[in-house]
Protein backbone atom coordinates (compact mmCIF):
# COMPACT_ATOMS: atom_id res chain seq x y z
CA MET A 1 -7.71 36.74 -46.59
CA MET A 2 -4.40 37.17 -44.81
CA LEU A 3 -4.17 38.86 -41.44
CA SER A 4 -1.54 41.54 -41.01
CA GLY A 5 1.15 40.96 -38.40
CA LYS A 6 -0.52 43.15 -35.74
CA LYS A 7 -3.93 41.56 -36.29
CA LEU A 8 -2.44 38.08 -36.11
CA ILE A 9 -0.74 38.92 -32.82
CA ALA A 10 -3.99 40.39 -31.42
CA VAL A 11 -5.99 37.32 -32.43
CA SER A 12 -3.35 35.04 -30.91
CA MET A 13 -3.39 36.99 -27.65
CA VAL A 14 -7.18 36.78 -27.41
CA PHE A 15 -7.02 33.03 -28.02
CA PHE A 16 -4.44 32.49 -25.28
CA ILE A 17 -6.22 34.76 -22.79
CA PHE A 18 -9.53 32.92 -23.16
CA PHE A 19 -8.55 29.35 -23.91
CA CYS A 20 -5.26 28.63 -22.15
CA PRO A 21 -6.80 28.90 -18.64
CA VAL A 22 -9.35 26.26 -19.68
CA PHE A 23 -6.64 23.84 -20.77
CA ALA A 24 -4.48 24.57 -17.73
CA GLN A 25 -7.39 24.23 -15.30
CA ASP A 26 -8.43 20.90 -16.81
CA GLN A 27 -4.93 19.48 -16.37
CA GLU A 28 -4.34 20.90 -12.88
CA SER A 29 -7.77 20.25 -11.39
CA SER A 30 -7.88 18.70 -7.96
CA ILE A 31 -10.79 16.42 -8.85
CA GLY A 32 -11.81 14.90 -12.16
CA PHE A 33 -15.14 14.08 -13.79
CA ASP A 34 -15.19 10.67 -12.12
CA LYS A 35 -14.87 12.16 -8.62
CA ALA A 36 -17.48 14.86 -9.37
CA GLU A 37 -19.92 12.21 -10.61
CA GLU A 38 -19.22 10.12 -7.50
CA ILE A 39 -20.01 13.14 -5.27
CA ALA A 40 -23.27 13.80 -7.17
CA LEU A 41 -24.33 10.15 -7.00
CA GLU A 42 -23.61 10.01 -3.28
CA GLU A 43 -25.60 13.20 -2.59
CA SER A 44 -28.58 12.04 -4.70
CA GLY A 45 -28.69 8.58 -3.14
CA GLY A 46 -27.65 6.79 -6.32
CA GLY A 47 -29.14 6.79 -9.78
CA THR A 48 -27.72 7.40 -13.23
CA VAL A 49 -25.54 10.28 -14.42
CA VAL A 50 -27.26 11.65 -17.53
CA LYS A 51 -25.16 14.79 -18.08
CA SER A 52 -21.65 15.72 -17.10
CA LYS A 53 -19.71 18.73 -18.35
CA MET A 54 -17.22 21.36 -17.22
CA ASP A 55 -18.26 25.00 -17.34
CA ARG A 56 -16.77 28.31 -16.32
CA ASP A 57 -19.05 30.29 -14.01
CA ASP A 58 -17.94 33.68 -12.61
CA ARG A 59 -14.27 32.87 -13.27
CA MET A 60 -14.60 29.56 -11.43
CA PHE A 61 -14.57 26.20 -13.12
CA MET A 62 -17.44 23.92 -12.18
CA TYR A 63 -18.61 20.47 -13.13
CA GLU A 64 -22.29 20.47 -14.03
CA ILE A 65 -23.60 17.01 -13.18
CA THR A 66 -27.19 15.81 -13.69
CA VAL A 67 -28.35 12.59 -12.00
CA VAL A 68 -31.70 10.84 -12.38
CA ASN A 69 -32.84 8.59 -9.54
CA ASN A 70 -36.35 7.11 -9.79
CA ASN A 71 -38.63 10.05 -10.72
CA THR A 72 -36.28 12.74 -9.46
CA ARG A 73 -33.71 14.82 -11.37
CA TYR A 74 -30.79 16.21 -9.35
CA GLU A 75 -28.58 18.94 -10.80
CA PHE A 76 -25.28 19.86 -9.19
CA GLU A 77 -22.58 22.47 -9.73
CA ILE A 78 -19.42 21.05 -8.18
CA SER A 79 -16.13 22.91 -7.84
CA VAL A 80 -13.33 21.55 -9.99
CA ASP A 81 -10.82 22.63 -7.34
CA ASP A 82 -12.10 20.95 -4.19
CA GLY A 83 -15.33 19.08 -4.98
CA ALA A 84 -17.52 21.48 -3.00
CA ILE A 85 -21.17 21.62 -4.09
CA TYR A 86 -21.97 25.24 -4.98
CA GLU A 87 -25.47 24.72 -6.35
CA TYR A 88 -28.01 21.94 -6.02
CA THR A 89 -31.52 21.58 -7.42
CA GLU A 90 -33.98 18.73 -7.21
CA SER A 91 -37.08 18.33 -9.38
CA MET A 92 -39.68 15.64 -9.95
CA ILE A 93 -39.92 13.99 -13.36
CA ARG A 94 -43.52 13.51 -14.38
CA THR A 95 -44.28 10.30 -16.22
CA ASP A 96 -47.37 9.34 -18.22
CA ARG A 97 -48.35 6.96 -15.44
CA SER A 98 -48.19 9.66 -12.75
CA ARG A 99 -50.23 12.00 -14.98
CA ARG A 100 -52.91 9.34 -15.45
CA GLU A 101 -53.00 8.63 -11.72
CA THR A 102 -53.30 12.34 -10.94
CA ALA A 103 -56.06 12.75 -13.52
CA ALA A 104 -57.89 9.73 -12.14
CA ASP A 105 -57.64 11.08 -8.58
CA THR A 106 -59.11 14.46 -9.50
CA SER A 107 -61.97 13.37 -11.76
CA ILE A 108 -65.55 14.02 -10.70
CA SER A 109 -68.85 12.66 -11.91
CA ARG A 110 -71.23 14.52 -14.23
CA GLU A 111 -73.68 15.03 -11.38
CA GLU A 112 -70.99 16.57 -9.19
CA ALA A 113 -69.94 18.88 -12.02
CA GLU A 114 -73.54 19.98 -12.64
CA SER A 115 -74.12 20.66 -8.94
CA ILE A 116 -70.95 22.77 -8.77
CA ALA A 117 -71.87 24.71 -11.93
CA LEU A 118 -75.43 25.44 -10.81
């Protein structure tokens, strides 16, 4: 299926409008992935980078960096332009061992259960 001349021009314009800023931003960015990962590692106190990607959020380009340090996951949105942290979340990673310890800490005897139920 061949596109007519006007359709081909329209498709080309849409491509350039949406994709050229991505290419230009990547080449002109003030910081790179390495610097963004360094910022995330410094803020999380070390660990391992498990995810690193560039994303466009509200017309701004951000690096989305995920770091795991011990049993904590840190997620950052870092500006491509200046390395500023725009969003930061921290969450605990539950392991089988921590689940077993929690279950062991909260267990009660049969007698205690019966006295509570009655």
